[in-house]
N, C-alpha and C. Protein backbone atom coordinates (compact mmCIF):
# COMPACT_ATOMS: atom_id res chain seq x y z
N MET A 1 9.55 17.25 16.28
CA MET A 1 8.86 17.43 15.09
C MET A 1 7.63 16.42 15.18
N ASN A 2 6.21 16.92 15.13
CA ASN A 2 5.12 16.37 15.20
C ASN A 2 4.74 15.81 13.83
N THR A 3 4.66 14.44 13.50
CA THR A 3 4.11 13.90 12.34
C THR A 3 3.23 13.17 12.26
N ASP A 4 2.44 13.36 13.45
CA ASP A 4 0.88 13.09 13.22
C ASP A 4 -0.04 13.41 12.23
N VAL A 5 0.41 14.54 11.40
CA VAL A 5 -0.23 14.90 10.17
C VAL A 5 0.07 14.22 9.26
N LEU A 6 1.25 13.17 9.03
CA LEU A 6 0.83 12.52 8.03
C LEU A 6 0.02 11.48 7.64
N PHE A 7 -0.57 11.06 9.13
CA PHE A 7 -1.69 9.75 9.14
C PHE A 7 -2.83 10.56 9.13
N GLU A 8 -3.20 11.50 8.86
CA GLU A 8 -4.79 12.00 8.91
C GLU A 8 -5.20 12.11 7.01
N PRO A 9 -6.40 11.76 7.16
CA PRO A 9 -6.86 11.84 5.64
C PRO A 9 -6.33 13.23 5.07
N ILE A 10 -6.45 13.33 3.56
CA ILE A 10 -6.48 14.49 3.01
C ILE A 10 -7.48 14.16 1.58
N GLN A 11 -8.05 15.62 1.65
CA GLN A 11 -9.19 15.38 0.03
C GLN A 11 -8.01 16.23 -0.98
N VAL A 12 -7.91 14.88 -2.02
CA VAL A 12 -7.32 15.60 -3.23
C VAL A 12 -8.42 15.88 -4.51
N GLY A 13 -8.73 17.11 -4.78
CA GLY A 13 -9.91 16.81 -6.08
C GLY A 13 -11.00 16.14 -5.28
N ASN A 14 -11.17 15.37 -6.00
CA ASN A 14 -12.49 14.52 -5.96
C ASN A 14 -11.93 12.85 -5.00
N VAL A 15 -10.83 12.84 -4.43
CA VAL A 15 -10.60 11.72 -4.07
C VAL A 15 -10.04 12.26 -2.60
N GLU A 16 -10.43 11.23 -1.73
CA GLU A 16 -9.92 11.26 -0.49
C GLU A 16 -8.91 10.16 -0.11
N LEU A 17 -7.82 10.62 0.35
CA LEU A 17 -6.66 9.86 0.50
C LEU A 17 -6.74 9.60 1.99
N LYS A 18 -6.19 8.19 2.59
CA LYS A 18 -6.25 7.73 3.80
C LYS A 18 -5.30 8.37 4.57
N ASN A 19 -4.02 8.40 4.15
CA ASN A 19 -3.17 9.49 5.08
C ASN A 19 -2.57 10.61 3.79
N ARG A 20 -1.34 10.85 4.25
CA ARG A 20 -0.35 11.72 3.44
C ARG A 20 0.55 11.24 2.86
N ILE A 21 0.80 9.93 3.11
CA ILE A 21 1.94 9.23 2.47
C ILE A 21 1.88 9.06 1.33
N ALA A 22 3.20 8.93 0.12
CA ALA A 22 2.68 8.42 -1.02
C ALA A 22 4.14 8.11 -1.47
N MET A 23 4.19 7.09 -2.50
CA MET A 23 5.12 6.94 -3.12
C MET A 23 5.53 6.90 -4.61
N SER A 24 6.21 7.79 -5.50
CA SER A 24 6.19 8.17 -6.93
C SER A 24 6.22 7.10 -7.70
N PRO A 25 5.44 6.93 -8.57
CA PRO A 25 5.50 5.68 -9.57
C PRO A 25 6.82 5.62 -10.04
N MET A 26 7.42 4.34 -10.14
CA MET A 26 8.59 3.80 -10.50
C MET A 26 8.48 2.73 -11.49
N ASN A 27 9.69 2.54 -12.40
CA ASN A 27 9.18 1.55 -13.35
C ASN A 27 10.28 0.68 -12.95
N MET A 28 10.19 -0.94 -12.61
CA MET A 28 11.44 -1.35 -12.42
C MET A 28 11.48 -2.45 -13.69
N GLY A 29 11.12 -2.21 -14.76
CA GLY A 29 10.96 -3.10 -15.82
C GLY A 29 10.16 -4.29 -15.82
N TYR A 30 9.58 -4.25 -14.76
CA TYR A 30 8.73 -5.63 -14.90
C TYR A 30 7.31 -6.07 -15.49
N THR A 31 7.25 -5.05 -16.12
CA THR A 31 5.67 -5.00 -17.43
C THR A 31 5.98 -6.33 -18.08
N GLY A 32 4.66 -6.67 -18.64
CA GLY A 32 4.52 -7.50 -19.63
C GLY A 32 4.59 -7.16 -20.96
N PRO A 33 4.76 -7.73 -21.99
CA PRO A 33 5.27 -7.80 -23.62
C PRO A 33 4.15 -6.49 -24.06
N GLU A 34 3.06 -6.62 -23.26
CA GLU A 34 2.34 -5.34 -24.15
C GLU A 34 2.48 -4.31 -23.08
N GLY A 35 3.39 -4.13 -22.02
CA GLY A 35 3.16 -2.85 -21.35
C GLY A 35 2.56 -2.79 -20.06
N PHE A 36 1.60 -3.78 -19.79
CA PHE A 36 1.11 -3.88 -18.41
C PHE A 36 1.52 -4.34 -17.04
N THR A 37 0.94 -4.36 -16.31
CA THR A 37 1.41 -4.74 -14.94
C THR A 37 1.74 -6.19 -14.91
N SER A 38 2.61 -6.73 -14.34
CA SER A 38 2.99 -7.99 -14.19
C SER A 38 2.77 -8.64 -12.91
N GLU A 39 2.57 -10.08 -12.55
CA GLU A 39 2.40 -10.47 -11.02
C GLU A 39 3.81 -10.05 -10.26
N GLN A 40 5.05 -9.98 -10.83
CA GLN A 40 6.07 -9.61 -10.90
C GLN A 40 6.22 -8.07 -10.15
N SER A 41 5.85 -7.27 -11.10
CA SER A 41 5.30 -5.71 -10.48
C SER A 41 4.70 -5.91 -9.45
N ASN A 42 3.83 -6.36 -9.27
CA ASN A 42 2.42 -6.38 -8.39
C ASN A 42 3.49 -6.99 -6.91
N ALA A 43 4.16 -7.73 -6.68
CA ALA A 43 4.92 -8.24 -6.02
C ALA A 43 5.47 -7.59 -5.28
N TRP A 44 6.68 -6.90 -6.37
CA TRP A 44 7.35 -5.46 -5.97
C TRP A 44 6.82 -4.05 -5.35
N TYR A 45 5.71 -4.21 -5.75
CA TYR A 45 5.10 -2.93 -5.49
C TYR A 45 4.39 -3.31 -3.87
N ALA A 46 3.89 -4.54 -3.59
CA ALA A 46 3.36 -4.89 -2.41
C ALA A 46 4.37 -5.00 -1.31
N GLY A 47 5.98 -5.11 -1.71
CA GLY A 47 7.01 -5.40 -0.90
C GLY A 47 7.32 -4.00 -0.46
N LYS A 48 6.98 -2.83 -1.30
CA LYS A 48 7.38 -1.66 -1.07
C LYS A 48 6.29 -0.82 -0.08
N ASN A 49 5.19 -1.80 0.10
CA ASN A 49 3.99 -1.04 0.67
C ASN A 49 4.34 -1.53 2.13
N THR A 50 5.12 -0.91 2.73
CA THR A 50 5.45 -1.44 4.48
C THR A 50 6.02 -0.25 5.16
N LEU A 51 5.54 -0.21 6.20
CA LEU A 51 5.98 1.18 7.17
C LEU A 51 7.91 0.83 6.97
N TYR A 52 8.11 -0.03 6.91
CA TYR A 52 9.61 -0.75 7.33
C TYR A 52 10.42 0.23 6.41
N HIS A 53 9.77 0.62 5.00
CA HIS A 53 10.54 1.27 3.95
C HIS A 53 10.96 2.63 4.23
N PHE A 54 9.98 2.99 5.00
CA PHE A 54 9.92 5.00 5.22
C PHE A 54 10.46 4.99 6.20
N ARG A 55 11.61 6.29 6.03
CA ARG A 55 12.14 6.70 7.11
C ARG A 55 12.06 8.18 7.68
N TYR A 56 11.88 8.50 8.56
CA TYR A 56 11.64 9.76 9.22
C TYR A 56 13.14 10.70 8.83
N ILE A 57 12.98 11.82 8.59
CA ILE A 57 14.50 12.73 8.77
C ILE A 57 14.26 13.62 10.07
């Protein structure tokens, strides 16, 4: 199976994405008292932003 297309840019509406790999939004309960992102949630998402976490089936 050729997966090269995953790393090609794609136009979605008026936004051009660098590649076709996406992660759905998730809420880990790390928001601040007003519901905004916190340093803890930023660190969690930054840790998920690696190819280590992606698996090819």
